[in-house]
Structure formats: C-alpha cells, structure tokens
Amino acid sequence: MDKNELIRRVSLMEDRYALEGCRNLFREGYGYKKAGVVITKLVQEEGFSHSLFSDMTALEKESKLSSSIDSIHKAFGRGAVLLGSQGNGEIKMSREHQSPHYTTLWSDIPTVSVR
C-alpha cells in the first residue's frame, strides 16, 4: 500500500485527525496493515457515577499514578517510565525449569524399555 492509497482509505473515514496522523507517520518502504480501535462510553471524569461498591481509594491511587506518569513523560519524554506489565523488551523469561512439552514435541515424550 502506498502513501496515497493509505490516505485515500483514511479520508473515506472523514476523520481529519486520523488523516493528519497518517500523513505525519507514513514512511516509504514500510508495510502497513489495516487496524482499528473502538472506544466507547467515554465520559468526563466529573460526570462519572461510580458503583456503590467501587473501591474509591484504589481509584484515587490509579488516578494519581496516571497523573504522575503523564508529568514524567512531559518532563523527560515518552517511555521514560513504564508500568511493569509493559516491560522493556530486555527481560526474558527464565526457561531452565520449563516443563517438557509431552503433547507437542516428539523428543519430550518419555521412552520406556522393558528388559
């Protein structure tokens, strides 16, 4: 897909922000795939009614954490701080105690010999 084809497809969506993003992000020589994100039920934080059983302390902590991360990103750039679940690509899972793959690898199936 070339730049003009990508822009044509996005412009069919009539979304000026998506179109602007495509123009800014497109790099010649890279392959692109169609993808989408659907965001629904967005509301202003002030207008949101929490459940009677919501843990307000946890929600306040999450909000403070999010604000802190945003502040750090503003000061030091995106990616300066990551959540543990995001990882950094450097930490690899330890595989020395991994279970054998009896159901998927012939070499892991135990053999028995009778004398």
Protein backbone atom coordinates (compact mmCIF):
# COMPACT_ATOMS: atom_id res chain seq x y z
CA MET A 1 0.00 0.00 0.00
CA ASP A 2 1.50 3.36 -0.94
CA LYS A 3 1.02 6.68 0.84
CA ASN A 4 -1.76 7.86 -1.49
CA GLU A 5 -3.72 4.62 -1.03
CA LEU A 6 -3.37 4.86 2.74
CA ILE A 7 -4.51 8.49 2.75
CA ARG A 8 -7.42 7.67 0.42
CA ARG A 9 -8.64 4.91 2.74
CA VAL A 10 -8.36 7.09 5.82
CA SER A 11 -10.02 10.06 4.13
CA LEU A 12 -13.01 7.83 3.42
CA MET A 13 -13.47 7.75 7.18
CA GLU A 14 -13.73 11.55 7.11
CA ASP A 15 -11.64 11.83 10.25
CA ARG A 16 -9.28 14.76 9.96
CA TYR A 17 -7.20 13.66 12.97
CA ALA A 18 -6.65 10.17 11.57
CA LEU A 19 -5.78 11.67 8.19
CA GLU A 20 -3.32 14.10 9.77
CA GLY A 21 -1.79 11.23 11.74
CA CYS A 22 -1.32 9.14 8.59
CA ARG A 23 0.38 12.00 6.81
CA ASN A 24 2.76 12.52 9.74
CA LEU A 25 3.50 8.86 10.45
CA PHE A 26 3.75 7.36 6.96
CA ARG A 27 7.24 6.19 5.98
CA GLU A 28 8.04 4.97 2.46
CA GLY A 29 9.25 1.37 2.27
CA TYR A 30 7.33 0.01 5.28
CA GLY A 31 4.39 -2.39 5.04
CA TYR A 32 1.14 -1.29 6.66
CA LYS A 33 -1.86 -3.31 7.79
CA LYS A 34 -5.39 -2.17 8.42
CA ALA A 35 -6.17 -1.95 12.12
CA GLY A 36 -8.80 -0.30 14.23
CA VAL A 37 -9.53 0.75 17.76
CA VAL A 38 -13.03 1.28 19.05
CA ILE A 39 -13.50 3.47 22.09
CA THR A 40 -16.98 3.64 23.54
CA LYS A 41 -18.71 5.17 26.51
CA LEU A 42 -16.21 7.97 27.05
CA VAL A 43 -17.41 10.40 29.70
CA GLN A 44 -15.94 13.33 31.58
CA GLU A 45 -14.39 12.21 34.84
CA GLU A 46 -16.57 14.69 36.75
CA GLY A 47 -19.76 13.25 35.27
CA PHE A 48 -18.98 9.61 36.01
CA SER A 49 -21.03 7.87 38.70
CA HIS A 50 -19.14 5.11 40.45
CA SER A 51 -20.71 1.94 41.71
CA LEU A 52 -21.77 1.75 45.34
CA PHE A 53 -19.15 -0.99 45.71
CA SER A 54 -16.28 0.83 43.93
CA ASP A 55 -13.02 0.96 45.86
CA MET A 56 -12.60 4.74 45.86
CA THR A 57 -9.15 4.56 47.47
CA ALA A 58 -7.87 2.34 44.66
CA LEU A 59 -9.46 4.60 42.02
CA GLU A 60 -7.81 7.67 43.57
CA LYS A 61 -4.42 5.89 43.65
CA GLU A 62 -4.79 4.92 39.96
CA SER A 63 -5.65 8.50 39.07
CA LYS A 64 -2.63 9.86 40.97
CA LEU A 65 -0.36 7.27 39.36
CA SER A 66 -1.64 8.14 35.89
CA SER A 67 -1.14 11.86 36.53
CA SER A 68 2.38 11.23 37.83
CA ILE A 69 3.32 9.16 34.79
CA ASP A 70 1.92 11.88 32.49
CA SER A 71 4.01 14.51 34.31
CA ILE A 72 7.18 12.41 33.99
CA HIS A 73 6.50 11.86 30.29
CA LYS A 74 6.06 15.60 29.78
CA ALA A 75 9.32 16.35 31.56
CA PHE A 76 11.51 13.50 30.23
CA GLY A 77 9.76 12.21 27.11
CA ARG A 78 7.50 9.28 26.33
CA GLY A 79 8.79 5.97 27.56
CA ALA A 80 10.81 7.48 30.42
CA VAL A 81 8.65 5.43 32.78
CA LEU A 82 6.85 2.16 32.03
CA LEU A 83 4.47 0.02 34.01
CA GLY A 84 5.91 -3.36 34.94
CA SER A 85 3.37 -5.11 32.73
CA GLN A 86 4.63 -3.16 29.70
CA GLY A 87 8.18 -4.44 30.05
CA ASN A 88 11.17 -3.02 28.23
CA GLY A 89 11.99 -5.93 25.94
CA GLU A 90 15.23 -6.72 27.77
CA ILE A 91 13.92 -9.06 30.45
CA LYS A 92 13.48 -12.62 29.21
CA MET A 93 11.58 -15.42 30.89
CA SER A 94 13.78 -17.96 32.67
CA ARG A 95 13.42 -21.28 30.89
CA GLU A 96 15.72 -23.58 32.87
CA HIS A 97 12.81 -25.06 34.87
CA GLN A 98 10.33 -25.21 32.00
CA SER A 99 8.12 -28.30 31.87
CA PRO A 100 8.59 -30.76 28.99
CA HIS A 101 6.25 -30.47 26.00
CA TYR A 102 4.87 -34.01 26.05
CA THR A 103 1.96 -33.17 23.77
CA THR A 104 3.80 -31.09 21.17
CA LEU A 105 7.39 -32.36 20.85
CA TRP A 106 8.28 -35.94 20.00
CA SER A 107 11.66 -35.50 21.69
CA ASP A 108 9.97 -34.74 25.05
CA ILE A 109 7.87 -37.92 25.14
CA PRO A 110 9.36 -40.27 27.74
CA THR A 111 10.53 -43.64 26.47
CA VAL A 112 10.25 -46.87 28.39
CA SER A 113 12.25 -50.01 27.74
CA VAL A 114 11.45 -53.45 29.14
CA ARG A 115 14.21 -55.99 29.95
